[in-house]
PDB file of N, CA and C in Angstrom:
ATOM      1  N   MET A   1    -102.233 -18.596 -29.292  1.00  0.00           N
ATOM      2  CA  MET A   1    -102.168 -17.371 -28.951  1.00  0.00           C
ATOM      3  C   MET A   1    -101.826 -16.207 -30.088  1.00  0.00           C
ATOM      4  N   ASP A   2    -102.598 -15.135 -30.204  1.00  0.00           N
ATOM      5  CA  ASP A   2    -102.608 -14.649 -31.677  1.00  0.00           C
ATOM      6  C   ASP A   2    -101.078 -13.456 -31.212  1.00  0.00           C
ATOM      7  N   ARG A   3    -101.043 -12.930 -32.247  1.00  0.00           N
ATOM      8  CA  ARG A   3     -99.929 -12.066 -32.320  1.00  0.00           C
ATOM      9  C   ARG A   3    -100.467 -10.688 -31.158  1.00  0.00           C
ATOM     10  N   GLN A   4    -101.537 -10.154 -30.823  1.00  0.00           N
ATOM     11  CA  GLN A   4    -101.948  -9.370 -30.383  1.00  0.00           C
ATOM     12  C   GLN A   4    -101.849  -9.455 -28.840  1.00  0.00           C
ATOM     13  N   THR A   5    -102.458 -10.385 -28.451  1.00  0.00           N
ATOM     14  CA  THR A   5    -102.311 -11.389 -27.073  1.00  0.00           C
ATOM     15  C   THR A   5    -100.612 -11.201 -26.872  1.00  0.00           C
ATOM     16  N   ARG A   6     -99.652 -12.133 -27.609  1.00  0.00           N
ATOM     17  CA  ARG A   6     -98.446 -12.185 -27.466  1.00  0.00           C
ATOM     18  C   ARG A   6     -97.999 -11.344 -27.214  1.00  0.00           C
ATOM     19  N   ASN A   7     -98.019  -9.543 -27.988  1.00  0.00           N
ATOM     20  CA  ASN A   7     -97.391  -8.111 -27.906  1.00  0.00           C
ATOM     21  C   ASN A   7     -98.037  -7.920 -26.506  1.00  0.00           C
ATOM     22  N   LEU A   8     -98.795  -7.978 -26.314  1.00  0.00           N
ATOM     23  CA  LEU A   8     -99.497  -7.168 -24.768  1.00  0.00           C
ATOM     24  C   LEU A   8     -99.143  -7.948 -23.604  1.00  0.00           C
ATOM     25  N   PHE A   9     -98.758  -9.311 -23.673  1.00  0.00           N
ATOM     26  CA  PHE A   9     -98.077 -10.217 -22.992  1.00  0.00           C
ATOM     27  C   PHE A   9     -96.769  -9.763 -22.847  1.00  0.00           C
ATOM     28  N   ALA A  10     -95.994  -9.534 -24.182  1.00  0.00           N
ATOM     29  CA  ALA A  10     -94.744  -8.894 -23.462  1.00  0.00           C
ATOM     30  C   ALA A  10     -94.679  -7.495 -23.570  1.00  0.00           C
ATOM     31  N   LEU A  11     -95.537  -6.699 -23.482  1.00  0.00           N
ATOM     32  CA  LEU A  11     -95.179  -5.397 -22.734  1.00  0.00           C
ATOM     33  C   LEU A  11     -95.806  -4.884 -21.434  1.00  0.00           C
ATOM     34  N   LEU A  12     -96.745  -6.192 -21.088  1.00  0.00           N
ATOM     35  CA  LEU A  12     -96.767  -6.211 -19.784  1.00  0.00           C
ATOM     36  C   LEU A  12     -95.640  -6.727 -18.582  1.00  0.00           C
ATOM     37  N   LEU A  13     -94.977  -7.513 -19.317  1.00  0.00           N
ATOM     38  CA  LEU A  13     -93.705  -8.433 -18.558  1.00  0.00           C
ATOM     39  C   LEU A  13     -92.674  -7.337 -18.496  1.00  0.00           C
ATOM     40  N   VAL A  14     -92.639  -6.185 -19.820  1.00  0.00           N
ATOM     41  CA  VAL A  14     -91.658  -5.453 -19.397  1.00  0.00           C
ATOM     42  C   VAL A  14     -91.740  -4.248 -18.783  1.00  0.00           C
ATOM     43  N   VAL A  15     -93.209  -3.854 -18.270  1.00  0.00           N
ATOM     44  CA  VAL A  15     -93.805  -2.962 -17.418  1.00  0.00           C
ATOM     45  C   VAL A  15     -93.054  -3.744 -16.194  1.00  0.00           C
ATOM     46  N   ILE A  16     -93.826  -4.963 -15.757  1.00  0.00           N
ATOM     47  CA  ILE A  16     -93.396  -5.321 -14.429  1.00  0.00           C
ATOM     48  C   ILE A  16     -91.886  -5.274 -13.989  1.00  0.00           C
ATOM     49  N   VAL A  17     -91.096  -5.595 -15.021  1.00  0.00           N
ATOM     50  CA  VAL A  17     -89.446  -5.772 -14.790  1.00  0.00           C
ATOM     51  C   VAL A  17     -89.129  -4.130 -14.367  1.00  0.00           C
ATOM     52  N   ALA A  18     -89.574  -3.593 -15.225  1.00  0.00           N
ATOM     53  CA  ALA A  18     -88.872  -1.803 -14.934  1.00  0.00           C
ATOM     54  C   ALA A  18     -89.506  -1.428 -13.493  1.00  0.00           C
ATOM     55  N   VAL A  19     -90.945  -1.689 -13.198  1.00  0.00           N
ATOM     56  CA  VAL A  19     -91.470  -0.956 -12.136  1.00  0.00           C
ATOM     57  C   VAL A  19     -90.830  -1.551 -10.834  1.00  0.00           C
ATOM     58  N   THR A  20     -90.312  -2.947 -11.231  1.00  0.00           N
ATOM     59  CA  THR A  20     -89.763  -3.484 -10.223  1.00  0.00           C
ATOM     60  C   THR A  20     -88.263  -3.326  -9.524  1.00  0.00           C
ATOM     61  N   GLY A  21     -87.836  -3.174 -10.993  1.00  0.00           N
ATOM     62  CA  GLY A  21     -86.191  -2.419 -10.762  1.00  0.00           C
ATOM     63  C   GLY A  21     -86.228  -0.922 -10.268  1.00  0.00           C
ATOM     64  N   GLY A  22     -87.180  -0.223 -10.676  1.00  0.00           N
ATOM     65  CA  GLY A  22     -86.782   1.257 -10.477  1.00  0.00           C
ATOM     66  C   GLY A  22     -87.373   1.116  -9.227  1.00  0.00           C
ATOM     67  N   ALA A  23     -88.312   0.465  -8.497  1.00  0.00           N
ATOM     68  CA  ALA A  23     -88.411   0.553  -7.185  1.00  0.00           C
ATOM     69  C   ALA A  23     -87.616  -0.151  -6.257  1.00  0.00           C
ATOM     70  N   ALA A  24     -86.320  -1.336  -6.703  1.00  0.00           N
ATOM     71  CA  ALA A  24     -85.468  -1.627  -5.858  1.00  0.00           C
ATOM     72  C   ALA A  24     -84.420  -0.526  -5.702  1.00  0.00           C
ATOM     73  N   LEU A  25     -84.470  -0.015  -7.060  1.00  0.00           N
ATOM     74  CA  LEU A  25     -83.252   1.018  -6.695  1.00  0.00           C
ATOM     75  C   LEU A  25     -83.300   2.252  -5.856  1.00  0.00           C
ATOM     76  N   LEU A  26     -84.653   2.706  -5.693  1.00  0.00           N
ATOM     77  CA  LEU A  26     -85.289   3.754  -4.951  1.00  0.00           C
ATOM     78  C   LEU A  26     -85.193   3.197  -3.343  1.00  0.00           C
ATOM     79  N   LEU A  27     -85.708   2.232  -3.255  1.00  0.00           N
ATOM     80  CA  LEU A  27     -85.735   1.695  -2.083  1.00  0.00           C
ATOM     81  C   LEU A  27     -84.448   0.887  -1.262  1.00  0.00           C
ATOM     82  N   SER A  28     -83.433   0.681  -2.254  1.00  0.00           N
ATOM     83  CA  SER A  28     -82.594   0.228  -1.563  1.00  0.00           C
ATOM     84  C   SER A  28     -81.091   1.298  -0.909  1.00  0.00           C
ATOM     85  N   ASP A  29     -80.778   0.838   0.113  1.00  0.00           N
ATOM     86  CA  ASP A  29     -79.786   1.921   0.558  1.00  0.00           C
ATOM     87  C   ASP A  29     -78.454   1.307   0.371  1.00  0.00           C
ATOM     88  N   THR A  30     -77.835   2.209  -0.926  1.00  0.00           N
ATOM     89  CA  THR A  30     -76.708   1.597  -1.085  1.00  0.00           C
ATOM     90  C   THR A  30     -75.284   2.978  -0.475  1.00  0.00           C
ATOM     91  N   SER A  31     -75.351   2.800   0.517  1.00  0.00           N
ATOM     92  CA  SER A  31     -74.381   3.477   1.531  1.00  0.00           C
ATOM     93  C   SER A  31     -73.083   2.223   1.971  1.00  0.00           C
ATOM     94  N   ILE A  32     -72.573   2.676   2.073  1.00  0.00           N
ATOM     95  CA  ILE A  32     -71.410   1.712   3.071  1.00  0.00           C
ATOM     96  C   ILE A  32     -71.498   1.624   4.416  1.00  0.00           C
ATOM     97  N   VAL A  33     -71.747   0.192   4.822  1.00  0.00           N
ATOM     98  CA  VAL A  33     -71.906   0.224   6.068  1.00  0.00           C
ATOM     99  C   VAL A  33     -70.550   0.461   6.995  1.00  0.00           C
ATOM    100  N   ASP A  34     -70.578   1.624   8.178  1.00  0.00           N
ATOM    101  CA  ASP A  34     -69.769   1.677   8.838  1.00  0.00           C
ATOM    102  C   ASP A  34     -70.155   1.720  10.105  1.00  0.00           C
ATOM    103  N   PRO A  35     -69.763   1.024  10.999  1.00  0.00           N
ATOM    104  CA  PRO A  35     -70.208   1.535  12.208  1.00  0.00           C
ATOM    105  C   PRO A  35     -69.997   2.407  13.018  1.00  0.00           C
ATOM    106  N   ASP A  36     -71.509   2.467  13.654  1.00  0.00           N
ATOM    107  CA  ASP A  36     -71.225   3.606  14.685  1.00  0.00           C
ATOM    108  C   ASP A  36     -70.723   3.450  15.796  1.00  0.00           C
ATOM    109  N   GLY A  37     -69.659   4.403  16.024  1.00  0.00           N
ATOM    110  CA  GLY A  37     -68.996   4.055  17.104  1.00  0.00           C
ATOM    111  C   GLY A  37     -69.936   5.162  18.381  1.00  0.00           C
ATOM    112  N   PRO A  38     -69.608   4.779  19.778  1.00  0.00           N
ATOM    113  CA  PRO A  38     -69.752   5.586  20.409  1.00  0.00           C
ATOM    114  C   PRO A  38     -69.473   7.090  20.856  1.00  0.00           C
ATOM    115  N   PRO A  39     -70.239   7.612  21.349  1.00  0.00           N
ATOM    116  CA  PRO A  39     -69.973   9.396  21.266  1.00  0.00           C
ATOM    117  C   PRO A  39     -68.304   9.685  21.900  1.00  0.00           C
ATOM    118  N   ALA A  40     -67.848  10.768  21.246  1.00  0.00           N
ATOM    119  CA  ALA A  40     -66.458  11.289  21.238  1.00  0.00           C
ATOM    120  C   ALA A  40     -65.252   9.922  20.845  1.00  0.00           C
ATOM    121  N   VAL A  41     -65.603   9.526  19.225  1.00  0.00           N
ATOM    122  CA  VAL A  41     -64.781   8.184  19.405  1.00  0.00           C
ATOM    123  C   VAL A  41     -64.362   8.916  17.790  1.00  0.00           C
ATOM    124  N   THR A  42     -62.855   8.712  17.830  1.00  0.00           N
ATOM    125  CA  THR A  42     -62.328   9.671  16.474  1.00  0.00           C
ATOM    126  C   THR A  42     -61.923   7.820  16.051  1.00  0.00           C
ATOM    127  N   THR A  43     -61.522   8.214  14.361  1.00  0.00           N
ATOM    128  CA  THR A  43     -61.087   7.078  13.579  1.00  0.00           C
ATOM    129  C   THR A  43     -59.770   7.215  12.996  1.00  0.00           C
ATOM    130  N   VAL A  44     -58.860   6.375  12.641  1.00  0.00           N
ATOM    131  CA  VAL A  44     -58.049   6.516  12.142  1.00  0.00           C
ATOM    132  C   VAL A  44     -57.502   5.052  11.530  1.00  0.00           C
ATOM    133  N   GLU A  45     -56.443   5.315  10.278  1.00  0.00           N
ATOM    134  CA  GLU A  45     -56.124   4.035   9.676  1.00  0.00           C
ATOM    135  C   GLU A  45     -54.540   4.056   9.910  1.00  0.00           C
ATOM    136  N   GLY A  46     -54.013   3.094   9.811  1.00  0.00           N
ATOM    137  CA  GLY A  46     -52.607   2.902   9.494  1.00  0.00           C
ATOM    138  C   GLY A  46     -52.236   1.426   9.469  1.00  0.00           C
ATOM    139  N   VAL A  47     -50.454   1.195   9.201  1.00  0.00           N
ATOM    140  CA  VAL A  47     -49.668  -0.048   9.915  1.00  0.00           C
ATOM    141  C   VAL A  47     -49.346   0.265  11.080  1.00  0.00           C
ATOM    142  N   VAL A  48     -49.516  -1.242  11.576  1.00  0.00           N
ATOM    143  CA  VAL A  48     -49.094  -1.113  12.629  1.00  0.00           C
ATOM    144  C   VAL A  48     -47.634  -1.720  12.916  1.00  0.00           C
ATOM    145  N   VAL A  49     -46.914  -0.806  13.524  1.00  0.00           N
ATOM    146  CA  VAL A  49     -45.510  -1.433  14.159  1.00  0.00           C
ATOM    147  C   VAL A  49     -44.753  -1.729  15.220  1.00  0.00           C
ATOM    148  N   ALA A  50     -45.603  -1.203  16.145  1.00  0.00           N
ATOM    149  CA  ALA A  50     -45.082  -2.379  17.376  1.00  0.00           C
ATOM    150  C   ALA A  50     -46.822  -2.731  17.855  1.00  0.00           C
ATOM    151  N   VAL A  51     -46.463  -4.093  19.006  1.00  0.00           N
ATOM    152  CA  VAL A  51     -47.395  -4.562  19.707  1.00  0.00           C
ATOM    153  C   VAL A  51     -46.819  -4.857  20.936  1.00  0.00           C
ATOM    154  N   GLU A  52     -47.516  -4.320  21.742  1.00  0.00           N
ATOM    155  CA  GLU A  52     -47.118  -4.472  23.356  1.00  0.00           C
ATOM    156  C   GLU A  52     -48.241  -5.759  23.854  1.00  0.00           C
ATOM    157  N   SER A  53     -47.085  -6.319  24.395  1.00  0.00           N
ATOM    158  CA  SER A  53     -48.187  -7.705  24.403  1.00  0.00           C
ATOM    159  C   SER A  53     -47.020  -8.827  25.493  1.00  0.00           C
ATOM    160  N   ALA A  54     -48.020  -9.535  26.622  1.00  0.00           N
ATOM    161  CA  ALA A  54     -47.372 -10.503  27.105  1.00  0.00           C
ATOM    162  C   ALA A  54     -47.934 -11.489  26.817  1.00  0.00           C
ATOM    163  N   GLY A  55     -48.207 -12.385  25.704  1.00  0.00           N
ATOM    164  CA  GLY A  55     -47.963 -13.392  24.857  1.00  0.00           C
ATOM    165  C   GLY A  55     -49.349 -12.940  24.073  1.00  0.00           C
ATOM    166  N   LEU A  56     -49.570 -13.936  23.165  1.00  0.00           N
ATOM    167  CA  LEU A  56     -50.590 -13.580  22.240  1.00  0.00           C
ATOM    168  C   LEU A  56     -52.329 -13.529  22.906  1.00  0.00           C
ATOM    169  N   THR A  57     -52.655 -13.848  24.043  1.00  0.00           N
ATOM    170  CA  THR A  57     -53.717 -13.559  24.788  1.00  0.00           C
ATOM    171  C   THR A  57     -53.972 -12.556  25.441  1.00  0.00           C
ATOM    172  N   ASP A  58     -52.663 -11.833  25.552  1.00  0.00           N
ATOM    173  CA  ASP A  58     -52.561 -10.704  26.854  1.00  0.00           C
ATOM    174  C   ASP A  58     -51.995  -9.442  25.527  1.00  0.00           C
ATOM    175  N   VAL A  59     -52.678  -8.765  25.054  1.00  0.00           N
ATOM    176  CA  VAL A  59     -52.441  -7.882  23.982  1.00  0.00           C
ATOM    177  C   VAL A  59     -52.769  -6.552  24.865  1.00  0.00           C
ATOM    178  N   ARG A  60     -51.480  -5.677  24.898  1.00  0.00           N
ATOM    179  CA  ARG A  60     -52.079  -4.381  25.909  1.00  0.00           C
ATOM    180  C   ARG A  60     -52.027  -2.884  25.129  1.00  0.00           C
ATOM    181  N   GLY A  61     -51.069  -2.650  24.492  1.00  0.00           N
ATOM    182  CA  GLY A  61     -51.354  -1.941  23.251  1.00  0.00           C
ATOM    183  C   GLY A  61     -50.561  -2.355  21.952  1.00  0.00           C
ATOM    184  N   PHE A  62     -50.726  -1.024  21.049  1.00  0.00           N
ATOM    185  CA  PHE A  62     -49.673  -0.973  19.390  1.00  0.00           C
ATOM    186  C   PHE A  62     -49.569   0.486  19.419  1.00  0.00           C
ATOM    187  N   THR A  63     -48.838   0.354  18.233  1.00  0.00           N
ATOM    188  CA  THR A  63     -48.346   1.501  17.576  1.00  0.00           C
ATOM    189  C   THR A  63     -48.690   1.492  16.069  1.00  0.00           C
ATOM    190  N   LEU A  64     -49.449   2.554  15.799  1.00  0.00           N
ATOM    191  CA  LEU A  64     -50.039   2.532  14.548  1.00  0.00           C
ATOM    192  C   LEU A  64     -49.036   3.835  13.813  1.00  0.00           C
ATOM    193  N   ARG A  65     -48.594   3.119  12.500  1.00  0.00           N
ATOM    194  CA  ARG A  65     -48.172   4.740  11.653  1.00  0.00           C
ATOM    195  C   ARG A  65     -49.270   4.633  10.172  1.00  0.00           C
ATOM    196  N   THR A  66     -49.307   6.059  10.571  1.00  0.00           N
ATOM    197  CA  THR A  66     -50.604   6.344   9.592  1.00  0.00           C
ATOM    198  C   THR A  66     -50.337   6.844   7.995  1.00  0.00           C
ATOM    199  N   GLU A  67     -50.745   6.811   7.023  1.00  0.00           N
ATOM    200  CA  GLU A  67     -49.955   7.551   5.761  1.00  0.00           C
ATOM    201  C   GLU A  67     -49.573   8.465   5.638  1.00  0.00           C
ATOM    202  N   ALA A  68     -49.471   9.335   6.569  1.00  0.00           N
ATOM    203  CA  ALA A  68     -49.052  10.785   6.502  1.00  0.00           C
ATOM    204  C   ALA A  68     -47.691  10.794   7.214  1.00  0.00           C
ATOM    205  N   GLY A  69     -47.408   9.270   8.149  1.00  0.00           N
ATOM    206  CA  GLY A  69     -45.801   9.128   8.517  1.00  0.00           C
ATOM    207  C   GLY A  69     -46.127   8.990  10.166  1.00  0.00           C
ATOM    208  N   GLU A  70     -47.471   9.763  10.402  1.00  0.00           N
ATOM    209  CA  GLU A  70     -47.288   9.725  12.090  1.00  0.00           C
ATOM    210  C   GLU A  70     -47.491   8.549  12.764  1.00  0.00           C
ATOM    211  N   THR A  71     -46.799   8.660  14.049  1.00  0.00           N
ATOM    212  CA  THR A  71     -47.123   7.200  14.523  1.00  0.00           C
ATOM    213  C   THR A  71     -47.648   7.607  15.953  1.00  0.00           C
ATOM    214  N   ILE A  72     -48.898   6.810  16.140  1.00  0.00           N
ATOM    215  CA  ILE A  72     -49.698   7.229  17.125  1.00  0.00           C
ATOM    216  C   ILE A  72     -49.835   5.813  18.085  1.00  0.00           C
ATOM    217  N   GLU A  73     -49.803   5.886  19.126  1.00  0.00           N
ATOM    218  CA  GLU A  73     -49.832   4.658  20.115  1.00  0.00           C
ATOM    219  C   GLU A  73     -51.273   4.547  20.684  1.00  0.00           C
ATOM    220  N   PHE A  74     -51.183   3.488  20.679  1.00  0.00           N
ATOM    221  CA  PHE A  74     -52.777   2.956  21.523  1.00  0.00           C
ATOM    222  C   PHE A  74     -52.542   2.302  22.667  1.00  0.00           C
ATOM    223  N   ARG A  75     -53.775   1.951  23.719  1.00  0.00           N
ATOM    224  CA  ARG A  75     -53.677   0.863  24.502  1.00  0.00           C
ATOM    225  C   ARG A  75     -55.015   0.294  24.453  1.00  0.00           C
ATOM    226  N   LEU A  76     -54.883  -0.738  24.901  1.00  0.00           N
ATOM    227  CA  LEU A  76     -56.226  -1.845  24.903  1.00  0.00           C
ATOM    228  C   LEU A  76     -57.023  -1.719  25.783  1.00  0.00           C
ATOM    229  N   GLY A  77     -57.996  -1.923  25.860  1.00  0.00           N
ATOM    230  CA  GLY A  77     -59.171  -2.282  26.776  1.00  0.00           C
ATOM    231  C   GLY A  77     -59.662  -3.273  26.565  1.00  0.00           C
ATOM    232  N   GLU A  78     -60.998  -3.129  26.549  1.00  0.00           N
ATOM    233  CA  GLU A  78     -62.424  -4.078  26.179  1.00  0.00           C
ATOM    234  C   GLU A  78     -62.915  -3.414  24.806  1.00  0.00           C
ATOM    235  N   LEU A  79     -62.640  -4.266  23.851  1.00  0.00           N
ATOM    236  CA  LEU A  79     -63.003  -3.748  22.587  1.00  0.00           C
ATOM    237  C   LEU A  79     -64.173  -3.959  22.170  1.00  0.00           C
ATOM    238  N   GLU A  80     -65.352  -3.637  21.545  1.00  0.00           N
ATOM    239  CA  GLU A  80     -66.298  -3.952  21.486  1.00  0.00           C
ATOM    240  C   GLU A  80     -66.821  -5.123  19.709  1.00  0.00           C
ATOM    241  N   ASN A  81     -65.818  -5.335  18.899  1.00  0.00           N
ATOM    242  CA  ASN A  81     -65.336  -6.472  18.539  1.00  0.00           C
ATOM    243  C   ASN A  81     -64.696  -7.372  18.577  1.00  0.00           C
ATOM    244  N   ALA A  82     -64.295  -7.880  19.692  1.00  0.00           N
ATOM    245  CA  ALA A  82     -63.304  -8.984  20.181  1.00  0.00           C
ATOM    246  C   ALA A  82     -62.991  -9.972  19.550  1.00  0.00           C
ATOM    247  N   VAL A  83     -64.461 -10.501  18.881  1.00  0.00           N
ATOM    248  CA  VAL A  83     -64.424 -11.743  18.768  1.00  0.00           C
ATOM    249  C   VAL A  83     -63.748 -11.663  17.207  1.00  0.00           C
ATOM    250  N   GLU A  84     -64.866 -10.889  16.255  1.00  0.00           N
ATOM    251  CA  GLU A  84     -64.709 -10.236  14.935  1.00  0.00           C
ATOM    252  C   GLU A  84     -62.864  -9.941  14.039  1.00  0.00           C
ATOM    253  N   PHE A  85     -62.443  -9.321  15.435  1.00  0.00           N
ATOM    254  CA  PHE A  85     -61.099  -8.812  15.384  1.00  0.00           C
ATOM    255  C   PHE A  85     -60.005  -9.075  16.755  1.00  0.00           C
ATOM    256  N   PRO A  86     -59.654 -10.196  16.564  1.00  0.00           N
ATOM    257  CA  PRO A  86     -59.211 -10.525  18.266  1.00  0.00           C
ATOM    258  C   PRO A  86     -57.555  -9.558  18.546  1.00  0.00           C
ATOM    259  N   PRO A  87     -57.445  -9.130  19.863  1.00  0.00           N
ATOM    260  CA  PRO A  87     -56.217  -8.558  20.045  1.00  0.00           C
ATOM    261  C   PRO A  87     -54.444  -8.830  19.203  1.00  0.00           C
ATOM    262  N   SER A  88     -55.028 -10.367  18.944  1.00  0.00           N
ATOM    263  CA  SER A  88     -53.750 -10.990  19.297  1.00  0.00           C
ATOM    264  C   SER A  88     -53.829 -10.951  17.288  1.00  0.00           C
ATOM    265  N   HIS A  89     -54.609 -10.600  16.685  1.00  0.00           N
ATOM    266  CA  HIS A  89     -54.275 -10.487  15.050  1.00  0.00           C
ATOM    267  C   HIS A  89     -53.841  -9.122  14.690  1.00  0.00           C
ATOM    268  N   LEU A  90     -53.445  -8.203  15.733  1.00  0.00           N
ATOM    269  CA  LEU A  90     -52.503  -7.027  15.406  1.00  0.00           C
ATOM    270  C   LEU A  90     -50.826  -7.718  14.698  1.00  0.00           C
ATOM    271  N   ALA A  91     -50.406  -8.904  15.416  1.00  0.00           N
ATOM    272  CA  ALA A  91     -49.371  -9.532  15.196  1.00  0.00           C
ATOM    273  C   ALA A  91     -49.192  -9.777  13.589  1.00  0.00           C
ATOM    274  N   ALA A  92     -50.359  -9.880  13.531  1.00  0.00           N
ATOM    275  CA  ALA A  92     -50.537 -10.345  12.040  1.00  0.00           C
ATOM    276  C   ALA A  92     -50.164  -9.287  10.991  1.00  0.00           C
ATOM    277  N   HIS A  93     -51.103  -7.957  11.447  1.00  0.00           N
ATOM    278  CA  HIS A  93     -50.919  -7.126  10.675  1.00  0.00           C
ATOM    279  C   HIS A  93     -49.455  -6.280  10.537  1.00  0.00           C
ATOM    280  N   GLN A  94     -49.060  -6.712  11.655  1.00  0.00           N
ATOM    281  CA  GLN A  94     -47.687  -6.141  11.492  1.00  0.00           C
ATOM    282  C   GLN A  94     -46.317  -6.808  10.874  1.00  0.00           C
ATOM    283  N   VAL A  95     -46.829  -8.032  10.514  1.00  0.00           N
ATOM    284  CA  VAL A  95     -45.480  -8.866   9.907  1.00  0.00           C
ATOM    285  C   VAL A  95     -45.882  -8.373   8.314  1.00  0.00           C
ATOM    286  N   ASP A  96     -47.437  -8.505   7.795  1.00  0.00           N
ATOM    287  CA  ASP A  96     -47.747  -8.341   6.429  1.00  0.00           C
ATOM    288  C   ASP A  96     -47.973  -6.732   6.128  1.00  0.00           C
ATOM    289  N   ALA A  97     -48.121  -5.953   7.257  1.00  0.00           N
ATOM    290  CA  ALA A  97     -47.828  -4.450   7.075  1.00  0.00           C
ATOM    291  C   ALA A  97     -49.341  -4.303   5.911  1.00  0.00           C
ATOM    292  N   TYR A  98     -50.418  -5.178   6.282  1.00  0.00           N
ATOM    293  CA  TYR A  98     -51.780  -4.784   6.125  1.00  0.00           C
ATOM    294  C   TYR A  98     -52.293  -3.550   7.159  1.00  0.00           C
ATOM    295  N   PRO A  99     -53.260  -2.604   6.476  1.00  0.00           N
ATOM    296  CA  PRO A  99     -53.538  -1.255   7.509  1.00  0.00           C
ATOM    297  C   PRO A  99     -54.689  -1.759   8.303  1.00  0.00           C
ATOM    298  N   VAL A 100     -54.440  -1.346   9.219  1.00  0.00           N
ATOM    299  CA  VAL A 100     -56.210  -1.692  10.453  1.00  0.00           C
ATOM    300  C   VAL A 100     -56.411   0.143  10.852  1.00  0.00           C
ATOM    301  N   ARG A 101     -57.865  -0.220  10.890  1.00  0.00           N
ATOM    302  CA  ARG A 101     -58.506   0.787  10.741  1.00  0.00           C
ATOM    303  C   ARG A 101     -58.990   1.009  12.370  1.00  0.00           C
ATOM    304  N   VAL A 102     -58.936   1.876  13.147  1.00  0.00           N
ATOM    305  CA  VAL A 102     -58.999   2.037  14.628  1.00  0.00           C
ATOM    306  C   VAL A 102     -60.041   3.402  15.004  1.00  0.00           C
ATOM    307  N   TRP A 103     -61.001   2.667  16.180  1.00  0.00           N
ATOM    308  CA  TRP A 103     -62.105   3.756  16.671  1.00  0.00           C
ATOM    309  C   TRP A 103     -61.419   4.103  18.135  1.00  0.00           C
ATOM    310  N   TYR A 104     -60.883   4.986  18.246  1.00  0.00           N
ATOM    311  CA  TYR A 104     -60.568   5.197  19.947  1.00  0.00           C
ATOM    312  C   TYR A 104     -61.157   6.437  20.361  1.00  0.00           C
ATOM    313  N   ARG A 105     -60.964   6.455  21.684  1.00  0.00           N
ATOM    314  CA  ARG A 105     -61.297   7.542  22.367  1.00  0.00           C
ATOM    315  C   ARG A 105     -60.073   7.893  23.328  1.00  0.00           C
ATOM    316  N   MET A 106     -60.205   9.075  23.781  1.00  0.00           N
ATOM    317  CA  MET A 106     -59.289   9.423  24.740  1.00  0.00           C
ATOM    318  C   MET A 106     -59.529   9.660  25.909  1.00  0.00           C
ATOM    319  N   GLU A 107     -58.560   9.027  26.995  1.00  0.00           N
ATOM    320  CA  GLU A 107     -58.770   9.192  27.893  1.00  0.00           C
ATOM    321  C   GLU A 107     -57.620  10.023  28.896  1.00  0.00           C
ATOM    322  N   GLY A 108     -57.476  11.283  29.293  1.00  0.00           N
ATOM    323  CA  GLY A 108     -56.355  11.822  29.572  1.00  0.00           C
ATOM    324  C   GLY A 108     -55.494  12.020  28.598  1.00  0.00           C
ATOM    325  N   GLU A 109     -54.154  11.892  28.604  1.00  0.00           N
ATOM    326  CA  GLU A 109     -53.512  12.024  27.299  1.00  0.00           C
ATOM    327  C   GLU A 109     -53.100  10.483  26.457  1.00  0.00           C
ATOM    328  N   GLU A 110     -54.222   9.365  26.918  1.00  0.00           N
ATOM    329  CA  GLU A 110     -53.692   7.794  26.337  1.00  0.00           C
ATOM    330  C   GLU A 110     -54.662   8.047  25.284  1.00  0.00           C
ATOM    331  N   ARG A 111     -55.112   6.901  24.033  1.00  0.00           N
ATOM    332  CA  ARG A 111     -55.528   6.652  23.387  1.00  0.00           C
ATOM    333  C   ARG A 111     -56.072   5.111  23.414  1.00  0.00           C
ATOM    334  N   PHE A 112     -57.343   4.937  23.722  1.00  0.00           N
ATOM    335  CA  PHE A 112     -57.703   3.600  23.860  1.00  0.00           C
ATOM    336  C   PHE A 112     -58.434   3.255  22.649  1.00  0.00           C
ATOM    337  N   ALA A 113     -58.371   2.242  22.623  1.00  0.00           N
ATOM    338  CA  ALA A 113     -58.918   1.759  20.978  1.00  0.00           C
ATOM    339  C   ALA A 113     -60.138   0.666  21.404  1.00  0.00           C
ATOM    340  N   VAL A 114     -61.363   1.077  20.907  1.00  0.00           N
ATOM    341  CA  VAL A 114     -62.693   1.074  21.300  1.00  0.00           C
ATOM    342  C   VAL A 114     -63.222  -0.623  20.423  1.00  0.00           C
ATOM    343  N   ARG A 115     -62.303  -0.475  19.151  1.00  0.00           N
ATOM    344  CA  ARG A 115     -62.847  -1.156  17.580  1.00  0.00           C
ATOM    345  C   ARG A 115     -61.821  -1.023  16.813  1.00  0.00           C
ATOM    346  N   LEU A 116     -61.330  -2.293  16.213  1.00  0.00           N
ATOM    347  CA  LEU A 116     -60.407  -2.791  15.450  1.00  0.00           C
ATOM    348  C   LEU A 116     -61.102  -3.210  14.077  1.00  0.00           C
ATOM    349  N   GLU A 117     -60.681  -2.754  12.550  1.00  0.00           N
ATOM    350  CA  GLU A 117     -60.837  -3.743  11.547  1.00  0.00           C
ATOM    351  C   GLU A 117     -59.773  -3.734  10.509  1.00  0.00           C
ATOM    352  N   ASP A 118     -60.006  -4.513  10.031  1.00  0.00           N
ATOM    353  CA  ASP A 118     -58.742  -4.401   8.546  1.00  0.00           C
ATOM    354  C   ASP A 118     -59.074  -3.296   7.953  1.00  0.00           C
ATOM    355  N   GLY A 119     -58.062  -2.859   7.714  1.00  0.00           N
ATOM    356  CA  GLY A 119     -58.316  -1.392   6.915  1.00  0.00           C
ATOM    357  C   GLY A 119     -58.438  -1.891   5.085  1.00  0.00           C
ATOM    358  N   ASP A 120     -58.309  -0.471   4.492  1.00  0.00           N
ATOM    359  CA  ASP A 120     -58.897  -0.473   3.066  1.00  0.00           C
ATOM    360  C   ASP A 120     -57.694  -0.968   2.429  1.00  0.00           C
ATOM    361  N   GLY A 121     -56.327  -0.965   2.729  1.00  0.00           N
ATOM    362  CA  GLY A 121     -55.323  -1.370   1.966  1.00  0.00           C
ATOM    363  C   GLY A 121     -55.239  -2.265   0.889  1.00  0.00           C
TER     364      GLY A 121
END
């Protein structure tokens, strides 16, 4: 292979890599995945300070303390992600003080958690 052919091949390779890389940057979705909750849902994050349960399989509610020091009580109904974050996992979060993110909706004066996740802490 002569020098001119080798230089043309190298230039072509650089152009292909540049075009592919540019397309990947332009077409990729770099947003942080945050699940969309149902309408009228609010999100809060904090540390679990109390869990109301009649055993590991019967968690009825919990209390969260936000970073601002506010304590908020939640009731538990059916969670949309109970397999990924079982309600019994709240007790572990209470022990280790690792934050929890809660998506909830208001029903009268009560807050009902609809989704739970590990927080950013």
